PDB file of all heavy atoms in Angstrom:
ATOM      1  N   ARG A   1      25.351 -29.719 -57.876  1.00  0.00           N
ATOM      2  CA  ARG A   1      26.215 -30.017 -59.023  1.00  0.00           C
ATOM      3  C   ARG A   1      25.442 -29.632 -60.270  1.00  0.00           C
ATOM      4  O   ARG A   1      24.293 -30.061 -60.477  1.00  0.00           O
ATOM      5  CB  ARG A   1      26.568 -31.474 -59.061  1.00  0.00           C
ATOM      6  CG  ARG A   1      27.493 -31.885 -60.216  1.00  0.00           C
ATOM      7  CD  ARG A   1      27.830 -33.377 -60.114  1.00  0.00           C
ATOM      8  NE  ARG A   1      28.874 -33.806 -61.030  1.00  0.00           N
ATOM      9  CZ  ARG A   1      28.636 -34.264 -62.264  1.00  0.00           C
ATOM     10  NH1 ARG A   1      27.397 -34.357 -62.698  1.00  0.00           N
ATOM     11  NH2 ARG A   1      29.654 -34.628 -63.054  1.00  0.00           N
ATOM     12  N   MET A   2      26.095 -28.815 -61.113  1.00  0.00           N
ATOM     13  CA  MET A   2      25.417 -28.357 -62.349  1.00  0.00           C
ATOM     14  C   MET A   2      26.307 -28.645 -63.542  1.00  0.00           C
ATOM     15  O   MET A   2      27.440 -28.200 -63.636  1.00  0.00           O
ATOM     16  CB  MET A   2      25.166 -26.845 -62.255  1.00  0.00           C
ATOM     17  CG  MET A   2      24.522 -26.235 -63.509  1.00  0.00           C
ATOM     18  SD  MET A   2      24.380 -24.452 -63.360  1.00  0.00           S
ATOM     19  CE  MET A   2      23.637 -24.012 -64.956  1.00  0.00           C
ATOM     20  N   ASP A   3      25.792 -29.482 -64.454  1.00  0.00           N
ATOM     21  CA  ASP A   3      26.458 -29.766 -65.714  1.00  0.00           C
ATOM     22  C   ASP A   3      25.741 -28.993 -66.818  1.00  0.00           C
ATOM     23  O   ASP A   3      24.521 -29.086 -66.941  1.00  0.00           O
ATOM     24  CB  ASP A   3      26.376 -31.271 -66.054  1.00  0.00           C
ATOM     25  CG  ASP A   3      27.341 -32.083 -65.258  1.00  0.00           C
ATOM     26  OD1 ASP A   3      28.520 -31.679 -65.111  1.00  0.00           O
ATOM     27  OD2 ASP A   3      26.954 -33.172 -64.782  1.00  0.00           O
ATOM     28  N   PHE A   4      26.500 -28.244 -67.640  1.00  0.00           N
ATOM     29  CA  PHE A   4      25.825 -27.521 -68.716  1.00  0.00           C
ATOM     30  C   PHE A   4      26.794 -27.195 -69.835  1.00  0.00           C
ATOM     31  O   PHE A   4      28.022 -27.263 -69.650  1.00  0.00           O
ATOM     32  CB  PHE A   4      25.162 -26.245 -68.180  1.00  0.00           C
ATOM     33  CG  PHE A   4      26.126 -25.170 -67.673  1.00  0.00           C
ATOM     34  CD1 PHE A   4      26.359 -24.027 -68.400  1.00  0.00           C
ATOM     35  CD2 PHE A   4      26.779 -25.340 -66.452  1.00  0.00           C
ATOM     36  CE1 PHE A   4      27.206 -23.039 -67.958  1.00  0.00           C
ATOM     37  CE2 PHE A   4      27.650 -24.351 -65.984  1.00  0.00           C
ATOM     38  CZ  PHE A   4      27.869 -23.201 -66.719  1.00  0.00           C
ATOM     39  N   ASN A   5      26.236 -26.883 -70.986  1.00  0.00           N
ATOM     40  CA  ASN A   5      27.031 -26.525 -72.191  1.00  0.00           C
ATOM     41  C   ASN A   5      26.787 -25.036 -72.475  1.00  0.00           C
ATOM     42  O   ASN A   5      25.721 -24.644 -72.946  1.00  0.00           O
ATOM     43  CB  ASN A   5      26.574 -27.353 -73.377  1.00  0.00           C
ATOM     44  CG  ASN A   5      27.403 -27.072 -74.608  1.00  0.00           C
ATOM     45  OD1 ASN A   5      28.140 -26.096 -74.682  1.00  0.00           O
ATOM     46  ND2 ASN A   5      27.253 -27.910 -75.653  1.00  0.00           N
ATOM     47  N   PRO A   6      27.791 -24.181 -72.245  1.00  0.00           N
ATOM     48  CA  PRO A   6      27.605 -22.739 -72.442  1.00  0.00           C
ATOM     49  C   PRO A   6      27.180 -22.388 -73.875  1.00  0.00           C
ATOM     50  O   PRO A   6      26.548 -21.322 -74.081  1.00  0.00           O
ATOM     51  CB  PRO A   6      29.004 -22.168 -72.138  1.00  0.00           C
ATOM     52  CG  PRO A   6      29.577 -23.142 -71.179  1.00  0.00           C
ATOM     53  CD  PRO A   6      29.114 -24.483 -71.649  1.00  0.00           C
ATOM     54  N   LYS A   7      27.511 -23.230 -74.880  1.00  0.00           N
ATOM     55  CA  LYS A   7      27.115 -22.889 -76.231  1.00  0.00           C
ATOM     56  C   LYS A   7      25.593 -22.910 -76.424  1.00  0.00           C
ATOM     57  O   LYS A   7      25.089 -22.277 -77.317  1.00  0.00           O
ATOM     58  CB  LYS A   7      27.767 -23.857 -77.209  1.00  0.00           C
ATOM     59  CG  LYS A   7      29.302 -23.687 -77.302  1.00  0.00           C
ATOM     60  CD  LYS A   7      29.898 -24.581 -78.363  1.00  0.00           C
ATOM     61  CE  LYS A   7      29.606 -24.083 -79.770  1.00  0.00           C
ATOM     62  NZ  LYS A   7      30.358 -24.837 -80.797  1.00  0.00           N
ATOM     63  N   ARG A   8      24.893 -23.624 -75.527  1.00  0.00           N
ATOM     64  CA  ARG A   8      23.445 -23.615 -75.591  1.00  0.00           C
ATOM     65  C   ARG A   8      22.875 -22.248 -75.238  1.00  0.00           C
ATOM     66  O   ARG A   8      21.720 -21.975 -75.503  1.00  0.00           O
ATOM     67  CB  ARG A   8      22.881 -24.642 -74.627  1.00  0.00           C
ATOM     68  CG  ARG A   8      23.329 -26.089 -74.876  1.00  0.00           C
ATOM     69  CD  ARG A   8      22.455 -26.764 -75.863  1.00  0.00           C
ATOM     70  NE  ARG A   8      22.813 -28.166 -76.082  1.00  0.00           N
ATOM     71  CZ  ARG A   8      22.206 -28.974 -76.887  1.00  0.00           C
ATOM     72  NH1 ARG A   8      21.162 -28.562 -77.593  1.00  0.00           N
ATOM     73  NH2 ARG A   8      22.585 -30.238 -77.036  1.00  0.00           N
ATOM     74  N   ALA A   9      23.713 -21.414 -74.579  1.00  0.00           N
ATOM     75  CA  ALA A   9      23.237 -20.110 -74.165  1.00  0.00           C
ATOM     76  C   ALA A   9      23.058 -19.113 -75.328  1.00  0.00           C
ATOM     77  O   ALA A   9      22.682 -17.974 -75.085  1.00  0.00           O
ATOM     78  CB  ALA A   9      24.209 -19.538 -73.113  1.00  0.00           C
ATOM     79  N   SER A  10      23.357 -19.536 -76.527  1.00  0.00           N
ATOM     80  CA  SER A  10      23.022 -18.682 -77.662  1.00  0.00           C
ATOM     81  C   SER A  10      21.500 -18.486 -77.764  1.00  0.00           C
ATOM     82  O   SER A  10      21.044 -17.489 -78.345  1.00  0.00           O
ATOM     83  CB  SER A  10      23.569 -19.307 -78.982  1.00  0.00           C
ATOM     84  OG  SER A  10      23.016 -20.603 -79.173  1.00  0.00           O
ATOM     85  N   ASP A  11      20.749 -19.409 -77.186  1.00  0.00           N
ATOM     86  CA  ASP A  11      19.323 -19.257 -77.064  1.00  0.00           C
ATOM     87  C   ASP A  11      19.046 -18.404 -75.808  1.00  0.00           C
ATOM     88  O   ASP A  11      19.515 -18.755 -74.713  1.00  0.00           O
ATOM     89  CB  ASP A  11      18.645 -20.633 -76.935  1.00  0.00           C
ATOM     90  CG  ASP A  11      17.192 -20.543 -76.583  1.00  0.00           C
ATOM     91  OD1 ASP A  11      16.371 -20.153 -77.461  1.00  0.00           O
ATOM     92  OD2 ASP A  11      16.838 -20.815 -75.405  1.00  0.00           O
ATOM     93  N   ARG A  12      18.309 -17.336 -75.958  1.00  0.00           N
ATOM     94  CA  ARG A  12      18.082 -16.408 -74.851  1.00  0.00           C
ATOM     95  C   ARG A  12      17.453 -17.068 -73.649  1.00  0.00           C
ATOM     96  O   ARG A  12      17.883 -16.847 -72.506  1.00  0.00           O
ATOM     97  CB  ARG A  12      17.229 -15.217 -75.299  1.00  0.00           C
ATOM     98  CG  ARG A  12      16.978 -14.195 -74.226  1.00  0.00           C
ATOM     99  CD  ARG A  12      16.020 -13.095 -74.629  1.00  0.00           C
ATOM    100  NE  ARG A  12      15.808 -12.152 -73.540  1.00  0.00           N
ATOM    101  CZ  ARG A  12      14.965 -12.353 -72.521  1.00  0.00           C
ATOM    102  NH1 ARG A  12      14.269 -13.511 -72.487  1.00  0.00           N
ATOM    103  NH2 ARG A  12      14.834 -11.471 -71.561  1.00  0.00           N
ATOM    104  N   ASP A  13      16.453 -17.889 -73.831  1.00  0.00           N
ATOM    105  CA  ASP A  13      15.754 -18.519 -72.699  1.00  0.00           C
ATOM    106  C   ASP A  13      16.715 -19.415 -71.919  1.00  0.00           C
ATOM    107  O   ASP A  13      16.657 -19.456 -70.684  1.00  0.00           O
ATOM    108  CB  ASP A  13      14.555 -19.320 -73.184  1.00  0.00           C
ATOM    109  CG  ASP A  13      13.428 -18.416 -73.691  1.00  0.00           C
ATOM    110  OD1 ASP A  13      13.444 -17.231 -73.345  1.00  0.00           O
ATOM    111  OD2 ASP A  13      12.570 -18.919 -74.431  1.00  0.00           O
ATOM    112  N   THR A  14      17.583 -20.136 -72.642  1.00  0.00           N
ATOM    113  CA  THR A  14      18.534 -20.996 -71.991  1.00  0.00           C
ATOM    114  C   THR A  14      19.545 -20.183 -71.223  1.00  0.00           C
ATOM    115  O   THR A  14      19.941 -20.527 -70.088  1.00  0.00           O
ATOM    116  CB  THR A  14      19.256 -21.907 -73.040  1.00  0.00           C
ATOM    117  OG1 THR A  14      18.292 -22.687 -73.693  1.00  0.00           O
ATOM    118  CG2 THR A  14      20.261 -22.821 -72.338  1.00  0.00           C
ATOM    119  N   ARG A  15      20.000 -19.079 -71.815  1.00  0.00           N
ATOM    120  CA  ARG A  15      20.953 -18.185 -71.134  1.00  0.00           C
ATOM    121  C   ARG A  15      20.387 -17.636 -69.821  1.00  0.00           C
ATOM    122  O   ARG A  15      21.064 -17.668 -68.783  1.00  0.00           O
ATOM    123  CB  ARG A  15      21.366 -17.044 -72.066  1.00  0.00           C
ATOM    124  CG  ARG A  15      22.412 -16.106 -71.458  1.00  0.00           C
ATOM    125  CD  ARG A  15      22.968 -15.186 -72.517  1.00  0.00           C
ATOM    126  NE  ARG A  15      21.988 -14.305 -73.109  1.00  0.00           N
ATOM    127  CZ  ARG A  15      21.461 -14.424 -74.320  1.00  0.00           C
ATOM    128  NH1 ARG A  15      21.812 -15.439 -75.098  1.00  0.00           N
ATOM    129  NH2 ARG A  15      20.567 -13.560 -74.783  1.00  0.00           N
ATOM    130  N   VAL A  16      19.150 -17.220 -69.873  1.00  0.00           N
ATOM    131  CA  VAL A  16      18.487 -16.691 -68.663  1.00  0.00           C
ATOM    132  C   VAL A  16      18.359 -17.797 -67.627  1.00  0.00           C
ATOM    133  O   VAL A  16      18.570 -17.590 -66.427  1.00  0.00           O
ATOM    134  CB  VAL A  16      17.109 -16.104 -69.017  1.00  0.00           C
ATOM    135  CG1 VAL A  16      16.330 -15.768 -67.752  1.00  0.00           C
ATOM    136  CG2 VAL A  16      17.305 -14.841 -69.873  1.00  0.00           C
ATOM    137  N   MET A  17      17.996 -19.006 -68.049  1.00  0.00           N
ATOM    138  CA  MET A  17      17.852 -20.139 -67.135  1.00  0.00           C
ATOM    139  C   MET A  17      19.183 -20.437 -66.443  1.00  0.00           C
ATOM    140  O   MET A  17      19.215 -20.596 -65.215  1.00  0.00           O
ATOM    141  CB  MET A  17      17.332 -21.358 -67.899  1.00  0.00           C
ATOM    142  CG  MET A  17      17.264 -22.626 -67.017  1.00  0.00           C
ATOM    143  SD  MET A  17      16.782 -24.072 -68.005  1.00  0.00           S
ATOM    144  CE  MET A  17      18.215 -24.254 -69.100  1.00  0.00           C
ATOM    145  N   TYR A  18      20.275 -20.526 -67.228  1.00  0.00           N
ATOM    146  CA  TYR A  18      21.593 -20.787 -66.618  1.00  0.00           C
ATOM    147  C   TYR A  18      21.897 -19.758 -65.540  1.00  0.00           C
ATOM    148  O   TYR A  18      22.362 -20.089 -64.420  1.00  0.00           O
ATOM    149  CB  TYR A  18      22.681 -20.773 -67.688  1.00  0.00           C
ATOM    150  CG  TYR A  18      22.735 -21.951 -68.598  1.00  0.00           C
ATOM    151  CD1 TYR A  18      23.449 -21.865 -69.809  1.00  0.00           C
ATOM    152  CD2 TYR A  18      22.171 -23.149 -68.279  1.00  0.00           C
ATOM    153  CE1 TYR A  18      23.556 -22.959 -70.660  1.00  0.00           C
ATOM    154  CE2 TYR A  18      22.264 -24.266 -69.104  1.00  0.00           C
ATOM    155  CZ  TYR A  18      22.968 -24.161 -70.313  1.00  0.00           C
ATOM    156  OH  TYR A  18      23.073 -25.248 -71.174  1.00  0.00           O
ATOM    157  N   LYS A  19      21.725 -18.473 -65.876  1.00  0.00           N
ATOM    158  CA  LYS A  19      22.057 -17.422 -64.918  1.00  0.00           C
ATOM    159  C   LYS A  19      21.213 -17.512 -63.674  1.00  0.00           C
ATOM    160  O   LYS A  19      21.693 -17.340 -62.534  1.00  0.00           O
ATOM    161  CB  LYS A  19      21.844 -16.034 -65.590  1.00  0.00           C
ATOM    162  CG  LYS A  19      22.843 -15.716 -66.662  1.00  0.00           C
ATOM    163  CD  LYS A  19      22.565 -14.350 -67.253  1.00  0.00           C
ATOM    164  CE  LYS A  19      23.524 -13.973 -68.347  1.00  0.00           C
ATOM    165  NZ  LYS A  19      23.237 -12.654 -68.949  1.00  0.00           N
ATOM    166  N   ASN A  20      19.923 -17.799 -63.820  1.00  0.00           N
ATOM    167  CA  ASN A  20      19.030 -17.915 -62.649  1.00  0.00           C
ATOM    168  C   ASN A  20      19.453 -19.041 -61.726  1.00  0.00           C
ATOM    169  O   ASN A  20      19.364 -18.909 -60.500  1.00  0.00           O
ATOM    170  CB  ASN A  20      17.588 -18.091 -63.119  1.00  0.00           C
ATOM    171  CG  ASN A  20      16.977 -16.803 -63.617  1.00  0.00           C
ATOM    172  OD1 ASN A  20      17.431 -15.704 -63.289  1.00  0.00           O
ATOM    173  ND2 ASN A  20      15.945 -16.937 -64.465  1.00  0.00           N
ATOM    174  N   ILE A  21      19.889 -20.130 -62.298  1.00  0.00           N
ATOM    175  CA  ILE A  21      20.352 -21.255 -61.471  1.00  0.00           C
ATOM    176  C   ILE A  21      21.633 -20.896 -60.732  1.00  0.00           C
ATOM    177  O   ILE A  21      21.742 -21.100 -59.501  1.00  0.00           O
ATOM    178  CB  ILE A  21      20.566 -22.516 -62.328  1.00  0.00           C
ATOM    179  CG1 ILE A  21      19.244 -23.017 -62.920  1.00  0.00           C
ATOM    180  CG2 ILE A  21      21.225 -23.638 -61.501  1.00  0.00           C
ATOM    181  CD1 ILE A  21      19.374 -24.106 -63.947  1.00  0.00           C
ATOM    182  N   ILE A  22      22.589 -20.356 -61.454  1.00  0.00           N
ATOM    183  CA  ILE A  22      23.881 -20.036 -60.827  1.00  0.00           C
ATOM    184  C   ILE A  22      23.735 -18.963 -59.741  1.00  0.00           C
ATOM    185  O   ILE A  22      24.497 -18.980 -58.728  1.00  0.00           O
ATOM    186  CB  ILE A  22      24.865 -19.578 -61.944  1.00  0.00           C
ATOM    187  CG1 ILE A  22      25.166 -20.766 -62.862  1.00  0.00           C
ATOM    188  CG2 ILE A  22      26.185 -19.079 -61.309  1.00  0.00           C
ATOM    189  CD1 ILE A  22      25.932 -20.392 -64.111  1.00  0.00           C
ATOM    190  N   ARG A  23      22.774 -18.092 -59.856  1.00  0.00           N
ATOM    191  CA  ARG A  23      22.559 -17.039 -58.852  1.00  0.00           C
ATOM    192  C   ARG A  23      22.135 -17.605 -57.497  1.00  0.00           C
ATOM    193  O   ARG A  23      22.216 -16.883 -56.478  1.00  0.00           O
ATOM    194  CB  ARG A  23      21.525 -16.031 -59.341  1.00  0.00           C
ATOM    195  CG  ARG A  23      22.080 -15.084 -60.407  1.00  0.00           C
ATOM    196  CD  ARG A  23      21.031 -14.157 -60.926  1.00  0.00           C
ATOM    197  NE  ARG A  23      21.596 -13.278 -61.959  1.00  0.00           N
ATOM    198  CZ  ARG A  23      20.979 -13.015 -63.109  1.00  0.00           C
ATOM    199  NH1 ARG A  23      19.828 -13.530 -63.395  1.00  0.00           N
ATOM    200  NH2 ARG A  23      21.597 -12.229 -64.005  1.00  0.00           N
ATOM    201  N   HIS A  24      21.705 -18.858 -57.458  1.00  0.00           N
ATOM    202  CA  HIS A  24      21.339 -19.491 -56.207  1.00  0.00           C
ATOM    203  C   HIS A  24      22.531 -20.137 -55.493  1.00  0.00           C
ATOM    204  O   HIS A  24      22.388 -20.745 -54.441  1.00  0.00           O
ATOM    205  CB  HIS A  24      20.278 -20.566 -56.449  1.00  0.00           C
ATOM    206  CG  HIS A  24      18.939 -20.055 -56.782  1.00  0.00           C
ATOM    207  ND1 HIS A  24      18.588 -19.692 -58.067  1.00  0.00           N
ATOM    208  CD2 HIS A  24      17.835 -19.805 -56.036  1.00  0.00           C
ATOM    209  CE1 HIS A  24      17.319 -19.254 -58.073  1.00  0.00           C
ATOM    210  NE2 HIS A  24      16.860 -19.300 -56.847  1.00  0.00           N
ATOM    211  N   LEU A  25      23.746 -19.977 -56.094  1.00  0.00           N
ATOM    212  CA  LEU A  25      24.932 -20.663 -55.572  1.00  0.00           C
ATOM    213  C   LEU A  25      26.028 -19.653 -55.134  1.00  0.00           C
ATOM    214  O   LEU A  25      26.007 -18.501 -55.543  1.00  0.00           O
ATOM    215  CB  LEU A  25      25.512 -21.569 -56.689  1.00  0.00           C
ATOM    216  CG  LEU A  25      24.566 -22.547 -57.346  1.00  0.00           C
ATOM    217  CD1 LEU A  25      25.294 -23.351 -58.417  1.00  0.00           C
ATOM    218  CD2 LEU A  25      23.913 -23.470 -56.331  1.00  0.00           C
ATOM    219  N   LYS A  26      26.938 -20.167 -54.317  1.00  0.00           N
ATOM    220  CA  LYS A  26      28.142 -19.421 -53.950  1.00  0.00           C
ATOM    221  C   LYS A  26      29.295 -20.422 -53.756  1.00  0.00           C
ATOM    222  O   LYS A  26      29.073 -21.610 -53.674  1.00  0.00           O
ATOM    223  CB  LYS A  26      27.913 -18.603 -52.683  1.00  0.00           C
ATOM    224  CG  LYS A  26      27.713 -19.421 -51.419  1.00  0.00           C
ATOM    225  CD  LYS A  26      27.539 -18.548 -50.202  1.00  0.00           C
ATOM    226  CE  LYS A  26      27.348 -19.380 -48.922  1.00  0.00           C
ATOM    227  NZ  LYS A  26      27.177 -18.523 -47.731  1.00  0.00           N
TER     228      LYS A  26
END
């Protein structure tokens, strides 16, 4: 289960982190 706020992804490091986590899921 992943809770997150996409608006935080305006920060590059946060955006990369979100993508890396989601890539482990299907």
